């Protein structure tokens, strides 16, 4: 059976933890941050986990993750 290709854009955005969960960076962190409150930006620093509904799709993009 041939090797599967990893989707490189997904590999840059998601990391698989030791327990198998998918970790992601918060959205809305790229630009136009001047109008955002300090509190909102501070909350976006934290990374979070991908929901179970989306995890199935992302796992298909990361076959060796």
PDB file of N, CA and C in Angstrom:
ATOM      1  N   UNK A   1       0.839  -1.183   0.000  1.00  0.00           N
ATOM      2  CA  UNK A   1       0.000   0.000   0.000  1.00  0.00           C
ATOM      3  C   UNK A   1       0.891   1.255   0.000  1.00  0.00           C
ATOM      4  N   UNK A   2       0.527   2.267  -0.805  1.00  0.00           N
ATOM      5  CA  UNK A   2       1.390   3.452  -0.855  1.00  0.00           C
ATOM      6  C   UNK A   2       1.308   4.291   0.409  1.00  0.00           C
ATOM      7  N   UNK A   3       2.322   5.105   0.596  1.00  0.00           N
ATOM      8  CA  UNK A   3       2.331   6.013   1.738  1.00  0.00           C
ATOM      9  C   UNK A   3       1.262   7.077   1.544  1.00  0.00           C
ATOM     10  N   UNK A   4       0.741   7.596   2.649  1.00  0.00           N
ATOM     11  CA  UNK A   4      -0.244   8.671   2.594  1.00  0.00           C
ATOM     12  C   UNK A   4       0.474  10.005   2.753  1.00  0.00           C
ATOM     13  N   UNK A   5      -0.017  11.008   2.048  1.00  0.00           N
ATOM     14  CA  UNK A   5       0.592  12.339   2.156  1.00  0.00           C
ATOM     15  C   UNK A   5      -0.065  13.117   3.286  1.00  0.00           C
ATOM     16  N   UNK A   6       0.754  13.781   4.071  1.00  0.00           N
ATOM     17  CA  UNK A   6       0.278  14.658   5.128  1.00  0.00           C
ATOM     18  C   UNK A   6      -0.085  15.997   4.503  1.00  0.00           C
ATOM     19  N   UNK A   7      -1.213  16.554   4.883  1.00  0.00           N
ATOM     20  CA  UNK A   7      -1.590  17.888   4.429  1.00  0.00           C
ATOM     21  C   UNK A   7      -0.733  18.885   5.206  1.00  0.00           C
ATOM     22  N   UNK A   8       0.175  19.561   4.518  1.00  0.00           N
ATOM     23  CA  UNK A   8       1.168  20.406   5.175  1.00  0.00           C
ATOM     24  C   UNK A   8       0.555  21.636   5.833  1.00  0.00           C
ATOM     25  N   UNK A   9      -0.520  22.180   5.256  1.00  0.00           N
ATOM     26  CA  UNK A   9      -1.152  23.352   5.873  1.00  0.00           C
ATOM     27  C   UNK A   9      -1.801  22.966   7.200  1.00  0.00           C
ATOM     28  N   UNK A  10      -2.367  21.770   7.279  1.00  0.00           N
ATOM     29  CA  UNK A  10      -2.965  21.292   8.531  1.00  0.00           C
ATOM     30  C   UNK A  10      -1.876  20.965   9.552  1.00  0.00           C
ATOM     31  N   UNK A  11      -0.756  20.429   9.079  1.00  0.00           N
ATOM     32  CA  UNK A  11       0.340  20.067   9.973  1.00  0.00           C
ATOM     33  C   UNK A  11       0.934  21.295  10.670  1.00  0.00           C
ATOM     34  N   UNK A  12       0.889  22.445   9.991  1.00  0.00           N
ATOM     35  CA  UNK A  12       1.411  23.677  10.580  1.00  0.00           C
ATOM     36  C   UNK A  12       0.445  24.263  11.611  1.00  0.00           C
ATOM     37  N   UNK A  13      -0.830  23.960  11.485  1.00  0.00           N
ATOM     38  CA  UNK A  13      -1.849  24.568  12.342  1.00  0.00           C
ATOM     39  C   UNK A  13      -2.242  23.726  13.548  1.00  0.00           C
ATOM     40  N   UNK A  14      -2.069  22.414  13.464  1.00  0.00           N
ATOM     41  CA  UNK A  14      -2.513  21.517  14.526  1.00  0.00           C
ATOM     42  C   UNK A  14      -1.374  20.629  14.993  1.00  0.00           C
ATOM     43  N   UNK A  15      -1.367  20.344  16.288  1.00  0.00           N
ATOM     44  CA  UNK A  15      -0.387  19.424  16.862  1.00  0.00           C
ATOM     45  C   UNK A  15      -1.162  18.337  17.610  1.00  0.00           C
ATOM     46  N   UNK A  16      -0.663  17.117  17.554  1.00  0.00           N
ATOM     47  CA  UNK A  16      -1.283  16.009  18.269  1.00  0.00           C
ATOM     48  C   UNK A  16      -0.580  15.857  19.609  1.00  0.00           C
ATOM     49  N   UNK A  17      -1.350  15.847  20.701  1.00  0.00           N
ATOM     50  CA  UNK A  17      -0.773  15.713  22.033  1.00  0.00           C
ATOM     51  C   UNK A  17      -0.451  14.257  22.319  1.00  0.00           C
ATOM     52  N   UNK A  18       0.192  14.014  23.432  1.00  0.00           N
ATOM     53  CA  UNK A  18       0.584  12.652  23.812  1.00  0.00           C
ATOM     54  C   UNK A  18      -0.634  11.749  23.996  1.00  0.00           C
ATOM     55  N   UNK A  19      -1.727  12.332  24.492  1.00  0.00           N
ATOM     56  CA  UNK A  19      -2.945  11.551  24.719  1.00  0.00           C
ATOM     57  C   UNK A  19      -3.788  11.409  23.445  1.00  0.00           C
ATOM     58  N   UNK A  20      -3.375  12.074  22.358  1.00  0.00           N
ATOM     59  CA  UNK A  20      -4.068  11.925  21.084  1.00  0.00           C
ATOM     60  C   UNK A  20      -5.040  13.039  20.750  1.00  0.00           C
ATOM     61  N   UNK A  21      -5.136  14.050  21.614  1.00  0.00           N
ATOM     62  CA  UNK A  21      -6.024  15.181  21.319  1.00  0.00           C
ATOM     63  C   UNK A  21      -5.339  16.095  20.313  1.00  0.00           C
ATOM     64  N   UNK A  22      -6.141  16.891  19.610  1.00  0.00           N
ATOM     65  CA  UNK A  22      -5.599  17.848  18.655  1.00  0.00           C
ATOM     66  C   UNK A  22      -5.608  19.240  19.273  1.00  0.00           C
ATOM     67  N   UNK A  23      -4.453  19.875  19.263  1.00  0.00           N
ATOM     68  CA  UNK A  23      -4.304  21.192  19.867  1.00  0.00           C
ATOM     69  C   UNK A  23      -4.265  22.231  18.757  1.00  0.00           C
ATOM     70  N   UNK A  24      -4.885  23.406  18.999  1.00  0.00           N
ATOM     71  CA  UNK A  24      -4.912  24.453  17.991  1.00  0.00           C
ATOM     72  C   UNK A  24      -4.661  25.813  18.614  1.00  0.00           C
ATOM     73  N   UNK A  25      -4.238  26.757  17.796  1.00  0.00           N
ATOM     74  CA  UNK A  25      -4.030  28.133  18.220  1.00  0.00           C
ATOM     75  C   UNK A  25      -5.345  28.880  18.056  1.00  0.00           C
ATOM     76  N   UNK A  26      -5.574  29.878  18.878  1.00  0.00           N
ATOM     77  CA  UNK A  26      -6.799  30.662  18.798  1.00  0.00           C
ATOM     78  C   UNK A  26      -6.854  31.440  17.493  1.00  0.00           C
ATOM     79  N   UNK A  27      -8.054  31.622  16.967  1.00  0.00           N
ATOM     80  CA  UNK A  27      -8.269  32.409  15.755  1.00  0.00           C
ATOM     81  C   UNK A  27      -8.278  33.893  16.100  1.00  0.00           C
ATOM     82  N   UNK A  28      -8.302  34.742  15.086  1.00  0.00           N
ATOM     83  CA  UNK A  28      -8.379  36.209  15.228  1.00  0.00           C
ATOM     84  C   UNK A  28      -7.143  36.803  15.897  1.00  0.00           C
ATOM     85  N   UNK A  29      -5.965  36.251  15.561  1.00  0.00           N
ATOM     86  CA  UNK A  29      -4.720  36.726  16.169  1.00  0.00           C
ATOM     87  C   UNK A  29      -3.772  37.315  15.127  1.00  0.00           C
ATOM     88  N   UNK A  30      -4.192  37.428  13.881  1.00  0.00           N
ATOM     89  CA  UNK A  30      -3.284  37.821  12.814  1.00  0.00           C
ATOM     90  C   UNK A  30      -3.019  39.300  12.716  1.00  0.00           C
ATOM     91  N   UNK A  31      -4.059  40.100  12.598  1.00  0.00           N
ATOM     92  CA  UNK A  31      -3.899  41.535  12.408  1.00  0.00           C
ATOM     93  C   UNK A  31      -5.159  42.249  12.887  1.00  0.00           C
ATOM     94  N   UNK A  32      -5.142  43.572  12.808  1.00  0.00           N
ATOM     95  CA  UNK A  32      -6.232  44.439  13.309  1.00  0.00           C
ATOM     96  C   UNK A  32      -6.489  44.157  14.794  1.00  0.00           C
ATOM     97  N   UNK A  33      -5.410  44.153  15.581  1.00  0.00           N
ATOM     98  CA  UNK A  33      -5.542  43.883  17.014  1.00  0.00           C
ATOM     99  C   UNK A  33      -5.665  45.169  17.835  1.00  0.00           C
ATOM    100  N   UNK A  34      -5.492  46.318  17.188  1.00  0.00           N
ATOM    101  CA  UNK A  34      -5.553  47.587  17.900  1.00  0.00           C
ATOM    102  C   UNK A  34      -6.925  47.905  18.456  1.00  0.00           C
ATOM    103  N   UNK A  35      -7.963  47.482  17.764  1.00  0.00           N
ATOM    104  CA  UNK A  35      -9.326  47.772  18.213  1.00  0.00           C
ATOM    105  C   UNK A  35      -9.829  46.760  19.247  1.00  0.00           C
ATOM    106  N   UNK A  36      -9.075  45.704  19.450  1.00  0.00           N
ATOM    107  CA  UNK A  36      -9.480  44.666  20.396  1.00  0.00           C
ATOM    108  C   UNK A  36      -9.061  45.058  21.818  1.00  0.00           C
ATOM    109  N   UNK A  37      -9.851  44.691  22.789  1.00  0.00           N
ATOM    110  CA  UNK A  37      -9.506  45.027  24.176  1.00  0.00           C
ATOM    111  C   UNK A  37      -8.325  44.176  24.651  1.00  0.00           C
ATOM    112  N   UNK A  38      -7.647  44.656  25.678  1.00  0.00           N
ATOM    113  CA  UNK A  38      -6.521  43.908  26.246  1.00  0.00           C
ATOM    114  C   UNK A  38      -6.964  42.548  26.739  1.00  0.00           C
ATOM    115  N   UNK A  39      -8.113  42.537  27.381  1.00  0.00           N
ATOM    116  CA  UNK A  39      -8.638  41.301  27.960  1.00  0.00           C
ATOM    117  C   UNK A  39      -8.911  40.261  26.868  1.00  0.00           C
ATOM    118  N   UNK A  40      -9.470  40.707  25.758  1.00  0.00           N
ATOM    119  CA  UNK A  40      -9.777  39.792  24.653  1.00  0.00           C
ATOM    120  C   UNK A  40      -8.501  39.200  24.063  1.00  0.00           C
ATOM    121  N   UNK A  41      -7.481  40.052  23.889  1.00  0.00           N
ATOM    122  CA  UNK A  41      -6.208  39.579  23.334  1.00  0.00           C
ATOM    123  C   UNK A  41      -5.509  38.619  24.287  1.00  0.00           C
ATOM    124  N   UNK A  42      -5.626  38.897  25.575  1.00  0.00           N
ATOM    125  CA  UNK A  42      -5.013  38.034  26.583  1.00  0.00           C
ATOM    126  C   UNK A  42      -5.648  36.644  26.562  1.00  0.00           C
ATOM    127  N   UNK A  43      -6.950  36.592  26.375  1.00  0.00           N
ATOM    128  CA  UNK A  43      -7.638  35.297  26.320  1.00  0.00           C
ATOM    129  C   UNK A  43      -7.269  34.508  25.066  1.00  0.00           C
ATOM    130  N   UNK A  44      -6.942  35.220  23.999  1.00  0.00           N
ATOM    131  CA  UNK A  44      -6.574  34.547  22.745  1.00  0.00           C
ATOM    132  C   UNK A  44      -5.168  33.962  22.774  1.00  0.00           C
ATOM    133  N   UNK A  45      -4.366  34.305  23.778  1.00  0.00           N
ATOM    134  CA  UNK A  45      -3.021  33.737  23.880  1.00  0.00           C
ATOM    135  C   UNK A  45      -3.059  32.235  24.137  1.00  0.00           C
ATOM    136  N   UNK A  46      -4.080  31.806  24.845  1.00  0.00           N
ATOM    137  CA  UNK A  46      -4.169  30.396  25.220  1.00  0.00           C
ATOM    138  C   UNK A  46      -4.525  29.542  24.009  1.00  0.00           C
ATOM    139  N   UNK A  47      -3.902  28.397  23.912  1.00  0.00           N
ATOM    140  CA  UNK A  47      -4.294  27.459  22.869  1.00  0.00           C
ATOM    141  C   UNK A  47      -5.432  26.610  23.423  1.00  0.00           C
ATOM    142  N   UNK A  48      -6.147  25.952  22.519  1.00  0.00           N
ATOM    143  CA  UNK A  48      -7.264  25.122  22.962  1.00  0.00           C
ATOM    144  C   UNK A  48      -7.270  23.834  22.148  1.00  0.00           C
ATOM    145  N   UNK A  49      -8.242  22.993  22.409  1.00  0.00           N
ATOM    146  CA  UNK A  49      -8.345  21.716  21.722  1.00  0.00           C
ATOM    147  C   UNK A  49      -9.436  21.776  20.671  1.00  0.00           C
ATOM    148  N   UNK A  50      -9.258  20.996  19.617  1.00  0.00           N
ATOM    149  CA  UNK A  50     -10.231  20.925  18.526  1.00  0.00           C
ATOM    150  C   UNK A  50     -11.441  20.144  19.014  1.00  0.00           C
ATOM    151  N   UNK A  51     -12.632  20.567  18.587  1.00  0.00           N
ATOM    152  CA  UNK A  51     -13.857  19.866  18.979  1.00  0.00           C
ATOM    153  C   UNK A  51     -13.890  18.476  18.346  1.00  0.00           C
ATOM    154  N   UNK A  52     -14.645  17.590  18.938  1.00  0.00           N
ATOM    155  CA  UNK A  52     -14.719  16.203  18.469  1.00  0.00           C
ATOM    156  C   UNK A  52     -15.289  16.121  17.061  1.00  0.00           C
ATOM    157  N   UNK A  53     -16.198  17.039  16.729  1.00  0.00           N
ATOM    158  CA  UNK A  53     -16.815  17.036  15.397  1.00  0.00           C
ATOM    159  C   UNK A  53     -15.781  17.363  14.316  1.00  0.00           C
ATOM    160  N   UNK A  54     -14.884  18.306  14.603  1.00  0.00           N
ATOM    161  CA  UNK A  54     -13.872  18.698  13.623  1.00  0.00           C
ATOM    162  C   UNK A  54     -12.651  17.784  13.645  1.00  0.00           C
ATOM    163  N   UNK A  55     -12.417  17.132  14.767  1.00  0.00           N
ATOM    164  CA  UNK A  55     -11.215  16.307  14.924  1.00  0.00           C
ATOM    165  C   UNK A  55     -11.168  15.178  13.895  1.00  0.00           C
ATOM    166  N   UNK A  56     -12.304  14.620  13.577  1.00  0.00           N
ATOM    167  CA  UNK A  56     -12.349  13.506  12.623  1.00  0.00           C
ATOM    168  C   UNK A  56     -11.848  13.954  11.247  1.00  0.00           C
ATOM    169  N   UNK A  57     -12.253  15.152  10.829  1.00  0.00           N
ATOM    170  CA  UNK A  57     -11.821  15.683   9.524  1.00  0.00           C
ATOM    171  C   UNK A  57     -10.329  15.983   9.523  1.00  0.00           C
ATOM    172  N   UNK A  58      -9.841  16.537  10.627  1.00  0.00           N
ATOM    173  CA  UNK A  58      -8.427  16.930  10.705  1.00  0.00           C
ATOM    174  C   UNK A  58      -7.530  15.707  10.776  1.00  0.00           C
ATOM    175  N   UNK A  59      -7.978  14.657  11.454  1.00  0.00           N
ATOM    176  CA  UNK A  59      -7.178  13.426  11.535  1.00  0.00           C
ATOM    177  C   UNK A  59      -6.947  12.810  10.165  1.00  0.00           C
ATOM    178  N   UNK A  60      -7.899  12.991   9.272  1.00  0.00           N
ATOM    179  CA  UNK A  60      -7.742  12.476   7.914  1.00  0.00           C
ATOM    180  C   UNK A  60      -6.640  13.234   7.177  1.00  0.00           C
ATOM    181  N   UNK A  61      -6.452  14.507   7.520  1.00  0.00           N
ATOM    182  CA  UNK A  61      -5.400  15.315   6.898  1.00  0.00           C
ATOM    183  C   UNK A  61      -4.026  15.020   7.507  1.00  0.00           C
ATOM    184  N   UNK A  62      -4.007  14.475   8.712  1.00  0.00           N
ATOM    185  CA  UNK A  62      -2.751  14.153   9.410  1.00  0.00           C
ATOM    186  C   UNK A  62      -2.684  12.636   9.660  1.00  0.00           C
ATOM    187  N   UNK A  63      -2.406  11.849   8.650  1.00  0.00           N
ATOM    188  CA  UNK A  63      -2.468  10.397   8.811  1.00  0.00           C
ATOM    189  C   UNK A  63      -1.446   9.816   9.774  1.00  0.00           C
ATOM    190  N   UNK A  64      -0.304  10.496   9.976  1.00  0.00           N
ATOM    191  CA  UNK A  64       0.731   9.952  10.835  1.00  0.00           C
ATOM    192  C   UNK A  64       0.877  10.756  12.127  1.00  0.00           C
ATOM    193  N   UNK A  65      -0.159  11.500  12.501  1.00  0.00           N
ATOM    194  CA  UNK A  65      -0.091  12.384  13.653  1.00  0.00           C
ATOM    195  C   UNK A  65      -0.324  11.709  14.971  1.00  0.00           C
TER     196      UNK A  65
END
